[in-house]
C-alpha atoms as a PDB file:
ATOM      1  CA  UNK A   1      11.751  17.107   2.767  1.00  0.00           C
ATOM      2  CA  UNK A   2      12.851  19.918   0.316  1.00  0.00           C
ATOM      3  CA  UNK A   3      12.335  19.309  -3.260  1.00  0.00           C
ATOM      4  CA  UNK A   4      16.097  19.448  -3.946  1.00  0.00           C
ATOM      5  CA  UNK A   5      16.677  16.806  -1.236  1.00  0.00           C
ATOM      6  CA  UNK A   6      14.010  14.649  -2.771  1.00  0.00           C
ATOM      7  CA  UNK A   7      15.765  14.799  -6.129  1.00  0.00           C
ATOM      8  CA  UNK A   8      18.998  13.728  -4.652  1.00  0.00           C
ATOM      9  CA  UNK A   9      17.347  10.811  -2.846  1.00  0.00           C
ATOM     10  CA  UNK A  10      15.589   9.836  -6.063  1.00  0.00           C
ATOM     11  CA  UNK A  11      18.949   9.727  -7.995  1.00  0.00           C
ATOM     12  CA  UNK A  12      20.865   7.990  -5.451  1.00  0.00           C
ATOM     13  CA  UNK A  13      18.187   5.133  -5.374  1.00  0.00           C
ATOM     14  CA  UNK A  14      18.218   5.061  -9.128  1.00  0.00           C
ATOM     15  CA  UNK A  15      22.024   4.662  -9.375  1.00  0.00           C
ATOM     16  CA  UNK A  16      22.086   1.979  -6.587  1.00  0.00           C
ATOM     17  CA  UNK A  17      19.473   0.077  -8.502  1.00  0.00           C
ATOM     18  CA  UNK A  18      22.171  -0.507 -11.143  1.00  0.00           C
ATOM     19  CA  UNK A  19      24.810  -1.680  -8.676  1.00  0.00           C
ATOM     20  CA  UNK A  20      26.036  -1.341  -5.041  1.00  0.00           C
ATOM     21  CA  UNK A  21      28.527   1.667  -4.700  1.00  0.00           C
ATOM     22  CA  UNK A  22      30.446   3.345  -1.997  1.00  0.00           C
ATOM     23  CA  UNK A  23      29.981   7.154  -1.263  1.00  0.00           C
ATOM     24  CA  UNK A  24      32.968   8.198  -3.377  1.00  0.00           C
ATOM     25  CA  UNK A  25      31.621   6.236  -6.349  1.00  0.00           C
ATOM     26  CA  UNK A  26      28.153   7.655  -5.850  1.00  0.00           C
ATOM     27  CA  UNK A  27      29.350  11.262  -5.785  1.00  0.00           C
ATOM     28  CA  UNK A  28      31.414  10.615  -8.907  1.00  0.00           C
ATOM     29  CA  UNK A  29      28.358   9.287 -10.685  1.00  0.00           C
ATOM     30  CA  UNK A  30      26.291  12.097  -9.596  1.00  0.00           C
ATOM     31  CA  UNK A  31      28.808  14.649 -10.747  1.00  0.00           C
ATOM     32  CA  UNK A  32      29.761  13.140 -14.056  1.00  0.00           C
ATOM     33  CA  UNK A  33      26.684  11.225 -15.299  1.00  0.00           C
ATOM     34  CA  UNK A  34      24.109  13.309 -13.664  1.00  0.00           C
ATOM     35  CA  UNK A  35      25.302  16.813 -14.325  1.00  0.00           C
ATOM     36  CA  UNK A  36      22.455  18.489 -12.411  1.00  0.00           C
ATOM     37  CA  UNK A  37      24.284  17.433  -9.187  1.00  0.00           C
ATOM     38  CA  UNK A  38      27.527  18.961 -10.025  1.00  0.00           C
ATOM     39  CA  UNK A  39      27.534  21.188  -7.031  1.00  0.00           C
ATOM     40  CA  UNK A  40      26.562  18.578  -4.506  1.00  0.00           C
ATOM     41  CA  UNK A  41      29.184  17.778  -1.779  1.00  0.00           C
ATOM     42  CA  UNK A  42      29.822  15.022   0.640  1.00  0.00           C
ATOM     43  CA  UNK A  43      28.215  17.269   3.303  1.00  0.00           C
ATOM     44  CA  UNK A  44      24.933  16.797   1.322  1.00  0.00           C
ATOM     45  CA  UNK A  45      25.342  13.325   0.098  1.00  0.00           C
ATOM     46  CA  UNK A  46      26.112  11.533   3.360  1.00  0.00           C
ATOM     47  CA  UNK A  47      23.191  12.807   5.368  1.00  0.00           C
ATOM     48  CA  UNK A  48      21.034  11.709   2.357  1.00  0.00           C
ATOM     49  CA  UNK A  49      22.488   8.172   2.574  1.00  0.00           C
ATOM     50  CA  UNK A  50      21.985   7.938   6.261  1.00  0.00           C
ATOM     51  CA  UNK A  51      18.228   8.996   5.866  1.00  0.00           C
ATOM     52  CA  UNK A  52      17.837   6.275   3.170  1.00  0.00           C
ATOM     53  CA  UNK A  53      19.459   3.772   5.504  1.00  0.00           C
ATOM     54  CA  UNK A  54      17.229   4.776   8.402  1.00  0.00           C
ATOM     55  CA  UNK A  55      14.061   4.394   5.977  1.00  0.00           C
ATOM     56  CA  UNK A  56      15.144   0.872   5.321  1.00  0.00           C
ATOM     57  CA  UNK A  57      15.719   1.567   1.591  1.00  0.00           C
ATOM     58  CA  UNK A  58      19.485   0.998   1.832  1.00  0.00           C
ATOM     59  CA  UNK A  59      21.924  -1.177   3.737  1.00  0.00           C
ATOM     60  CA  UNK A  60      25.546  -0.489   4.635  1.00  0.00           C
ATOM     61  CA  UNK A  61      28.024  -3.205   3.921  1.00  0.00           C
ATOM     62  CA  UNK A  62      31.778  -3.272   4.417  1.00  0.00           C
ATOM     63  CA  UNK A  63      33.705  -2.635   1.294  1.00  0.00           C
ATOM     64  CA  UNK A  64      36.707  -4.556  -0.250  1.00  0.00           C
ATOM     65  CA  UNK A  65      39.570  -3.895   2.021  1.00  0.00           C
ATOM     66  CA  UNK A  66      41.976  -4.685  -0.686  1.00  0.00           C
ATOM     67  CA  UNK A  67      40.825  -1.664  -2.838  1.00  0.00           C
ATOM     68  CA  UNK A  68      42.669   1.554  -2.271  1.00  0.00           C
ATOM     69  CA  UNK A  69      40.444   4.056  -0.528  1.00  0.00           C
ATOM     70  CA  UNK A  70      39.902   7.192  -2.766  1.00  0.00           C
ATOM     71  CA  UNK A  71      39.654   9.261   0.338  1.00  0.00           C
ATOM     72  CA  UNK A  72      40.958   9.034   3.818  1.00  0.00           C
ATOM     73  CA  UNK A  73      38.768   7.809   6.488  1.00  0.00           C
ATOM     74  CA  UNK A  74      36.243   5.044   6.947  1.00  0.00           C
ATOM     75  CA  UNK A  75      33.574   6.389   4.596  1.00  0.00           C
ATOM     76  CA  UNK A  76      35.000   5.015   1.395  1.00  0.00           C
ATOM     77  CA  UNK A  77      35.014   1.455   2.837  1.00  0.00           C
ATOM     78  CA  UNK A  78      31.181   1.416   3.278  1.00  0.00           C
ATOM     79  CA  UNK A  79      29.258   0.027   0.351  1.00  0.00           C
ATOM     80  CA  UNK A  80      25.571   0.949   0.067  1.00  0.00           C
ATOM     81  CA  UNK A  81      23.175  -1.583  -1.304  1.00  0.00           C
ATOM     82  CA  UNK A  82      19.479  -1.018  -2.269  1.00  0.00           C
ATOM     83  CA  UNK A  83      17.128  -3.198  -0.266  1.00  0.00           C
ATOM     84  CA  UNK A  84      13.899  -4.765  -1.673  1.00  0.00           C
ATOM     85  CA  UNK A  85      11.963  -1.976   0.020  1.00  0.00           C
ATOM     86  CA  UNK A  86      14.259   0.502  -1.676  1.00  0.00           C
ATOM     87  CA  UNK A  87      13.653  -0.840  -4.999  1.00  0.00           C
ATOM     88  CA  UNK A  88       9.939  -0.853  -4.619  1.00  0.00           C
ATOM     89  CA  UNK A  89      10.058   2.787  -3.320  1.00  0.00           C
ATOM     90  CA  UNK A  90      12.143   3.840  -6.300  1.00  0.00           C
ATOM     91  CA  UNK A  91       9.756   2.134  -8.718  1.00  0.00           C
ATOM     92  CA  UNK A  92       6.931   3.955  -7.080  1.00  0.00           C
ATOM     93  CA  UNK A  93       8.807   7.310  -7.686  1.00  0.00           C
ATOM     94  CA  UNK A  94       9.457   6.275 -11.230  1.00  0.00           C
ATOM     95  CA  UNK A  95       5.636   5.809 -11.799  1.00  0.00           C
ATOM     96  CA  UNK A  96       4.760   9.438 -10.684  1.00  0.00           C
ATOM     97  CA  UNK A  97       3.803  11.825 -13.375  1.00  0.00           C
ATOM     98  CA  UNK A  98       2.635  14.885 -11.552  1.00  0.00           C
ATOM     99  CA  UNK A  99       4.225  18.367 -11.619  1.00  0.00           C
ATOM    100  CA  UNK A 100       7.129  17.360  -9.504  1.00  0.00           C
ATOM    101  CA  UNK A 101       8.172  15.036 -12.376  1.00  0.00           C
ATOM    102  CA  UNK A 102       8.525  17.829 -14.950  1.00  0.00           C
ATOM    103  CA  UNK A 103       9.489  20.990 -13.108  1.00  0.00           C
ATOM    104  CA  UNK A 104      12.654  22.790 -13.891  1.00  0.00           C
ATOM    105  CA  UNK A 105      14.491  21.369 -10.720  1.00  0.00           C
ATOM    106  CA  UNK A 106      13.380  17.739 -11.311  1.00  0.00           C
ATOM    107  CA  UNK A 107      12.992  17.130 -14.947  1.00  0.00           C
ATOM    108  CA  UNK A 108      16.609  16.432 -15.686  1.00  0.00           C
ATOM    109  CA  UNK A 109      16.989  13.803 -12.965  1.00  0.00           C
ATOM    110  CA  UNK A 110      13.658  12.150 -14.113  1.00  0.00           C
ATOM    111  CA  UNK A 111      14.929  12.036 -17.716  1.00  0.00           C
ATOM    112  CA  UNK A 112      18.251  10.479 -16.705  1.00  0.00           C
ATOM    113  CA  UNK A 113      16.337   7.421 -15.537  1.00  0.00           C
ATOM    114  CA  UNK A 114      14.005   7.159 -18.476  1.00  0.00           C
ATOM    115  CA  UNK A 115      15.689   3.918 -19.465  1.00  0.00           C
ATOM    116  CA  UNK A 116      14.045   2.384 -16.211  1.00  0.00           C
ATOM    117  CA  UNK A 117      10.717   4.092 -16.836  1.00  0.00           C
ATOM    118  CA  UNK A 118       7.694   2.628 -18.688  1.00  0.00           C
ATOM    119  CA  UNK A 119       6.801   4.184 -21.898  1.00  0.00           C
ATOM    120  CA  UNK A 120       3.378   5.494 -20.735  1.00  0.00           C
ATOM    121  CA  UNK A 121       4.978   7.240 -17.884  1.00  0.00           C
ATOM    122  CA  UNK A 122       7.657   8.764 -20.063  1.00  0.00           C
ATOM    123  CA  UNK A 123       5.020  10.047 -22.446  1.00  0.00           C
ATOM    124  CA  UNK A 124       3.093  11.651 -19.484  1.00  0.00           C
ATOM    125  CA  UNK A 125       6.105  13.340 -18.132  1.00  0.00           C
ATOM    126  CA  UNK A 126       7.301  14.605 -21.512  1.00  0.00           C
ATOM    127  CA  UNK A 127       3.823  15.856 -22.201  1.00  0.00           C
ATOM    128  CA  UNK A 128       3.650  17.654 -18.881  1.00  0.00           C
ATOM    129  CA  UNK A 129       6.998  19.189 -19.404  1.00  0.00           C
ATOM    130  CA  UNK A 130       5.982  20.426 -22.951  1.00  0.00           C
ATOM    131  CA  UNK A 131       2.729  21.852 -21.616  1.00  0.00           C
ATOM    132  CA  UNK A 132       4.500  23.788 -18.769  1.00  0.00           C
ATOM    133  CA  UNK A 133       7.105  25.196 -21.197  1.00  0.00           C
ATOM    134  CA  UNK A 134       4.389  26.200 -23.699  1.00  0.00           C
ATOM    135  CA  UNK A 135       2.540  28.129 -20.873  1.00  0.00           C
ATOM    136  CA  UNK A 136       5.822  29.853 -19.874  1.00  0.00           C
ATOM    137  CA  UNK A 137       6.607  30.692 -23.532  1.00  0.00           C
ATOM    138  CA  UNK A 138       3.257  32.221 -23.962  1.00  0.00           C
ATOM    139  CA  UNK A 139       3.769  34.559 -20.807  1.00  0.00           C
ATOM    140  CA  UNK A 140       7.193  35.477 -22.143  1.00  0.00           C
ATOM    141  CA  UNK A 141       5.764  36.507 -25.401  1.00  0.00           C
ATOM    142  CA  UNK A 142       2.892  38.570 -23.781  1.00  0.00           C
ATOM    143  CA  UNK A 143       5.323  40.233 -21.461  1.00  0.00           C
ATOM    144  CA  UNK A 144       7.675  41.060 -24.347  1.00  0.00           C
ATOM    145  CA  UNK A 145       4.863  42.665 -26.231  1.00  0.00           C
ATOM    146  CA  UNK A 146       3.846  44.721 -23.185  1.00  0.00           C
ATOM    147  CA  UNK A 147       7.348  45.835 -22.136  1.00  0.00           C
ATOM    148  CA  UNK A 148       9.069  46.232 -25.554  1.00  0.00           C
ATOM    149  CA  UNK A 149       9.070  49.960 -25.718  1.00  0.00           C
ATOM    150  CA  UNK A 150      10.409  50.296 -22.230  1.00  0.00           C
ATOM    151  CA  UNK A 151      13.521  47.933 -22.615  1.00  0.00           C
ATOM    152  CA  UNK A 152      16.791  48.912 -23.802  1.00  0.00           C
ATOM    153  CA  UNK A 153      18.426  46.935 -26.650  1.00  0.00           C
ATOM    154  CA  UNK A 154      20.474  44.629 -24.344  1.00  0.00           C
ATOM    155  CA  UNK A 155      17.581  43.728 -22.078  1.00  0.00           C
ATOM    156  CA  UNK A 156      15.394  43.103 -25.103  1.00  0.00           C
ATOM    157  CA  UNK A 157      18.040  40.874 -26.492  1.00  0.00           C
ATOM    158  CA  UNK A 158      18.221  38.916 -23.209  1.00  0.00           C
ATOM    159  CA  UNK A 159      14.419  38.380 -23.279  1.00  0.00           C
ATOM    160  CA  UNK A 160      14.604  37.046 -26.829  1.00  0.00           C
ATOM    161  CA  UNK A 161      17.585  34.688 -25.943  1.00  0.00           C
ATOM    162  CA  UNK A 162      15.545  33.414 -22.998  1.00  0.00           C
ATOM    163  CA  UNK A 163      12.476  32.771 -25.402  1.00  0.00           C
ATOM    164  CA  UNK A 164      14.713  30.946 -27.819  1.00  0.00           C
ATOM    165  CA  UNK A 165      16.024  28.762 -25.113  1.00  0.00           C
ATOM    166  CA  UNK A 166      12.477  27.756 -24.259  1.00  0.00           C
ATOM    167  CA  UNK A 167      11.415  27.285 -27.837  1.00  0.00           C
ATOM    168  CA  UNK A 168      14.518  24.909 -28.422  1.00  0.00           C
ATOM    169  CA  UNK A 169      13.533  22.667 -25.568  1.00  0.00           C
ATOM    170  CA  UNK A 170       9.830  22.676 -26.746  1.00  0.00           C
ATOM    171  CA  UNK A 171      11.056  21.395 -30.210  1.00  0.00           C
ATOM    172  CA  UNK A 172      13.368  18.823 -28.585  1.00  0.00           C
ATOM    173  CA  UNK A 173      10.374  17.535 -26.400  1.00  0.00           C
ATOM    174  CA  UNK A 174       8.336  17.308 -29.697  1.00  0.00           C
ATOM    175  CA  UNK A 175      10.911  15.064 -31.231  1.00  0.00           C
ATOM    176  CA  UNK A 176      11.038  12.903 -28.105  1.00  0.00           C
ATOM    177  CA  UNK A 177       7.289  12.623 -27.895  1.00  0.00           C
ATOM    178  CA  UNK A 178       7.088  11.674 -31.653  1.00  0.00           C
ATOM    179  CA  UNK A 179       9.666   9.023 -30.999  1.00  0.00           C
ATOM    180  CA  UNK A 180       7.844   7.649 -28.050  1.00  0.00           C
ATOM    181  CA  UNK A 181       4.604   7.534 -29.905  1.00  0.00           C
ATOM    182  CA  UNK A 182       6.246   5.734 -32.777  1.00  0.00           C
ATOM    183  CA  UNK A 183       7.779   3.280 -30.394  1.00  0.00           C
ATOM    184  CA  UNK A 184      11.414   4.156 -31.498  1.00  0.00           C
ATOM    185  CA  UNK A 185      14.254   3.434 -29.155  1.00  0.00           C
ATOM    186  CA  UNK A 186      16.497   6.572 -29.057  1.00  0.00           C
ATOM    187  CA  UNK A 187      19.690   4.361 -28.720  1.00  0.00           C
ATOM    188  CA  UNK A 188      18.647   2.369 -31.809  1.00  0.00           C
ATOM    189  CA  UNK A 189      18.215   5.510 -33.996  1.00  0.00           C
ATOM    190  CA  UNK A 190      21.192   6.536 -36.261  1.00  0.00           C
ATOM    191  CA  UNK A 191      22.515  10.106 -35.678  1.00  0.00           C
ATOM    192  CA  UNK A 192      20.474  12.414 -37.885  1.00  0.00           C
ATOM    193  CA  UNK A 193      17.473  10.234 -38.099  1.00  0.00           C
ATOM    194  CA  UNK A 194      14.089  11.245 -36.713  1.00  0.00           C
ATOM    195  CA  UNK A 195      13.972  10.378 -33.059  1.00  0.00           C
ATOM    196  CA  UNK A 196      17.731  10.511 -32.642  1.00  0.00           C
ATOM    197  CA  UNK A 197      18.292  12.829 -29.681  1.00  0.00           C
ATOM    198  CA  UNK A 198      21.931  13.731 -28.761  1.00  0.00           C
ATOM    199  CA  UNK A 199      22.123  13.713 -24.871  1.00  0.00           C
ATOM    200  CA  UNK A 200      25.794  12.786 -24.586  1.00  0.00           C
ATOM    201  CA  UNK A 201      27.475  16.033 -24.839  1.00  0.00           C
ATOM    202  CA  UNK A 202      27.353  19.455 -23.271  1.00  0.00           C
ATOM    203  CA  UNK A 203      27.728  20.867 -19.767  1.00  0.00           C
ATOM    204  CA  UNK A 204      24.847  18.936 -18.517  1.00  0.00           C
ATOM    205  CA  UNK A 205      26.743  15.572 -18.339  1.00  0.00           C
ATOM    206  CA  UNK A 206      24.558  13.683 -20.740  1.00  0.00           C
ATOM    207  CA  UNK A 207      21.281  15.283 -19.390  1.00  0.00           C
ATOM    208  CA  UNK A 208      18.866  17.455 -21.240  1.00  0.00           C
ATOM    209  CA  UNK A 209      19.825  21.124 -21.061  1.00  0.00           C
ATOM    210  CA  UNK A 210      16.729  23.164 -20.521  1.00  0.00           C
ATOM    211  CA  UNK A 211      18.900  25.684 -18.494  1.00  0.00           C
ATOM    212  CA  UNK A 212      21.766  25.981 -20.980  1.00  0.00           C
ATOM    213  CA  UNK A 213      20.692  29.596 -21.702  1.00  0.00           C
ATOM    214  CA  UNK A 214      19.593  31.986 -18.933  1.00  0.00           C
ATOM    215  CA  UNK A 215      15.833  32.545 -18.622  1.00  0.00           C
ATOM    216  CA  UNK A 216      15.054  36.178 -17.633  1.00  0.00           C
ATOM    217  CA  UNK A 217      12.377  36.611 -15.133  1.00  0.00           C
ATOM    218  CA  UNK A 218       9.242  37.871 -16.668  1.00  0.00           C
ATOM    219  CA  UNK A 219       6.041  39.198 -14.999  1.00  0.00           C
ATOM    220  CA  UNK A 220       3.554  36.623 -14.412  1.00  0.00           C
ATOM    221  CA  UNK A 221       6.097  33.741 -14.568  1.00  0.00           C
ATOM    222  CA  UNK A 222       6.694  32.191 -11.377  1.00  0.00           C
ATOM    223  CA  UNK A 223       9.840  30.360 -10.299  1.00  0.00           C
ATOM    224  CA  UNK A 224       9.691  26.633  -9.960  1.00  0.00           C
END
């Protein structure tokens, strides 16, 4: 299974843990609530659903025939429900804190389900993400010092812009980690108070935006 397919399966299981949905509803939630999946299509979603059904993690049920189908065809009439095995599998995925939980391609999806994740797991994921970004930031700084004289003004500015983007996310992670350590609930914090993190706006559909600014490739920094 590719990492991207694994992320989609994780998100589908997480959404269906909240309530059963049909394919159209799932795609809408993936696109609007989980902005990282904005480019996913039915051609990607339905094979994923079939795989989850085959694994015994979902079951298919007939939908309410009185509801108008949002799309033509039979697919909109099938409702997907999480099984007991599927719930257990999702909880197992939620407990994982290795690199796959905080890499660029996976962190936003994991963060979207932090409300269903235990505090100690959240802490380990946040600290892992911060450590990874601090390593990246150091490589970017070293690269900038080494190549500064060979870069034109625009390329140099792009390098600086990329560094600032990483620095912003590190500061954001520091605030989240501080809130977790203090036992503060983000939803319970008033805007502007320490620990109050705004994840409701922006192009990421309510998710953290580590990629809201382009990160230029730098020597020694491997893609994730």
